[in-house]
Protein backbone atom coordinates (compact mmCIF):
# COMPACT_ATOMS: atom_id res chain seq x y z
CA UNK A 1 8.39 -22.52 -3.55
CA UNK A 2 10.83 -19.65 -3.01
CA UNK A 3 9.35 -16.43 -1.68
CA UNK A 4 10.45 -14.66 -4.87
CA UNK A 5 7.93 -16.80 -6.81
CA UNK A 6 4.97 -15.53 -4.81
CA UNK A 7 2.78 -12.90 -6.42
CA UNK A 8 0.05 -10.77 -4.95
CA UNK A 9 1.63 -10.80 -1.49
CA UNK A 10 0.47 -8.35 1.15
CA UNK A 11 1.64 -7.78 4.69
CA UNK A 12 -0.86 -8.51 7.46
CA UNK A 13 1.28 -8.09 10.57
CA UNK A 14 4.97 -7.92 11.43
CA UNK A 15 6.68 -11.01 10.01
CA UNK A 16 3.40 -12.25 8.52
CA UNK A 17 2.32 -12.44 4.88
CA UNK A 18 -0.63 -13.78 2.93
CA UNK A 19 -0.06 -14.93 -0.66
CA UNK A 20 -3.17 -15.53 -2.74
CA UNK A 21 -3.53 -17.24 -6.07
CA UNK A 22 -5.35 -15.62 -8.97
CA UNK A 23 -9.12 -16.10 -8.96
CA UNK A 24 -10.46 -19.49 -9.96
CA UNK A 25 -12.36 -20.06 -13.19
CA UNK A 26 -15.40 -20.93 -11.06
CA UNK A 27 -15.15 -17.58 -9.27
CA UNK A 28 -14.75 -15.64 -12.52
CA UNK A 29 -17.83 -17.28 -14.05
CA UNK A 30 -19.92 -15.58 -11.35
CA UNK A 31 -18.55 -12.07 -11.89
CA UNK A 32 -20.69 -9.30 -13.31
CA UNK A 33 -19.24 -6.66 -15.63
CA UNK A 34 -18.44 -4.12 -12.90
CA UNK A 35 -16.71 -6.68 -10.70
CA UNK A 36 -14.65 -7.83 -13.70
CA UNK A 37 -13.63 -4.25 -14.46
CA UNK A 38 -12.62 -3.61 -10.84
CA UNK A 39 -10.52 -6.77 -10.91
CA UNK A 40 -8.77 -5.72 -14.12
CA UNK A 41 -8.16 -2.22 -12.74
CA UNK A 42 -6.54 -3.71 -9.64
CA UNK A 43 -4.54 -6.34 -11.50
CA UNK A 44 -3.32 -4.03 -14.29
CA UNK A 45 -3.53 -0.45 -12.95
CA UNK A 46 -1.60 1.10 -15.87
CA UNK A 47 -2.66 -1.08 -18.84
CA UNK A 48 -6.18 0.16 -19.55
CA UNK A 49 -7.97 3.45 -20.11
CA UNK A 50 -11.65 4.21 -19.51
CA UNK A 51 -12.40 3.56 -23.20
CA UNK A 52 -11.36 -0.08 -22.74
CA UNK A 53 -13.76 -0.48 -19.83
CA UNK A 54 -16.54 1.28 -21.78
CA UNK A 55 -16.16 -1.42 -24.46
CA UNK A 56 -16.51 -4.17 -21.84
CA UNK A 57 -19.62 -2.45 -20.43
CA UNK A 58 -21.26 -1.83 -23.83
CA UNK A 59 -20.77 -5.46 -24.80
CA UNK A 60 -21.94 -6.64 -21.36
CA UNK A 61 -18.82 -8.74 -20.85
CA UNK A 62 -19.16 -10.59 -17.59
CA UNK A 63 -17.42 -13.66 -16.20
CA UNK A 64 -18.45 -16.38 -18.65
CA UNK A 65 -18.13 -14.10 -21.69
CA UNK A 66 -14.77 -12.81 -20.39
CA UNK A 67 -13.33 -16.33 -20.39
CA UNK A 68 -14.35 -16.79 -24.05
CA UNK A 69 -12.78 -13.55 -25.31
CA UNK A 70 -10.24 -13.54 -28.11
CA UNK A 71 -8.12 -10.68 -29.45
CA UNK A 72 -10.22 -10.74 -32.60
CA UNK A 73 -13.48 -10.34 -30.66
CA UNK A 74 -12.09 -7.51 -28.54
CA UNK A 75 -10.74 -5.69 -31.59
CA UNK A 76 -14.08 -6.17 -33.39
CA UNK A 77 -15.73 -4.55 -30.36
CA UNK A 78 -13.37 -1.59 -30.85
CA UNK A 79 -10.59 -2.28 -28.35
CA UNK A 80 -7.03 -1.49 -29.41
CA UNK A 81 -4.56 -4.35 -29.87
CA UNK A 82 -2.46 -3.66 -26.76
CA UNK A 83 -5.22 -3.88 -24.16
CA UNK A 84 -6.85 -6.75 -26.06
CA UNK A 85 -3.57 -8.67 -25.90
CA UNK A 86 -3.22 -8.02 -22.15
CA UNK A 87 -6.73 -9.39 -21.52
CA UNK A 88 -6.30 -12.47 -23.70
CA UNK A 89 -2.87 -13.27 -22.22
CA UNK A 90 -4.39 -12.99 -18.74
CA UNK A 91 -7.30 -15.27 -19.68
CA UNK A 92 -4.86 -17.87 -21.04
CA UNK A 93 -2.81 -17.66 -17.84
CA UNK A 94 -5.94 -18.11 -15.71
CA UNK A 95 -7.08 -21.11 -17.73
CA UNK A 96 -3.64 -22.71 -17.44
CA UNK A 97 -3.30 -22.23 -13.68
CA UNK A 98 -4.30 -24.85 -11.13
CA UNK A 99 -6.68 -23.44 -8.55
CA UNK A 100 -8.28 -24.61 -5.39
CA UNK A 101 -11.27 -22.62 -4.20
CA UNK A 102 -9.04 -21.14 -1.54
CA UNK A 103 -5.27 -21.26 -1.25
CA UNK A 104 -3.53 -19.24 1.41
CA UNK A 105 0.03 -19.35 2.63
CA UNK A 106 0.37 -17.84 6.05
CA UNK A 107 3.80 -17.30 7.50
CA UNK A 108 3.52 -16.81 11.26
CA UNK A 109 7.27 -16.70 11.62
CA UNK A 110 9.10 -17.21 8.33
CA UNK A 111 12.08 -18.85 9.98
CA UNK A 112 10.11 -21.26 12.18
CA UNK A 113 6.54 -21.94 11.03
CA UNK A 114 4.76 -22.51 7.76
CA UNK A 115 1.07 -23.28 7.78
CA UNK A 116 -0.73 -24.02 4.51
CA UNK A 117 -4.53 -23.95 4.43
CA UNK A 118 -6.47 -25.70 1.65
CA UNK A 119 -10.21 -25.57 1.35
């Protein structure tokens, strides 16, 4: 996998990086509404306004309900089409992505060492 394909990469030390996959479906099922909202705020910092999060709170959308959302449901709850589309596209991406419970790439020295941890 080329480094350009990695998303959600953060520096941890000089010449070291950690790349993490999106959350697993199992993880998401355990999220409460506030954790879900914090995740969406971090993942899409410019795509939602407080009104969108109010709709998720009022409808008590948590992990399991989040995974079952459709654009139609979100729009029926009062969410505008743009944010509804972002959420549904993200859900579809999450459902179509292979996940392990933990997947970390750790580059101690990018030119010499690559250690992959699976759990």
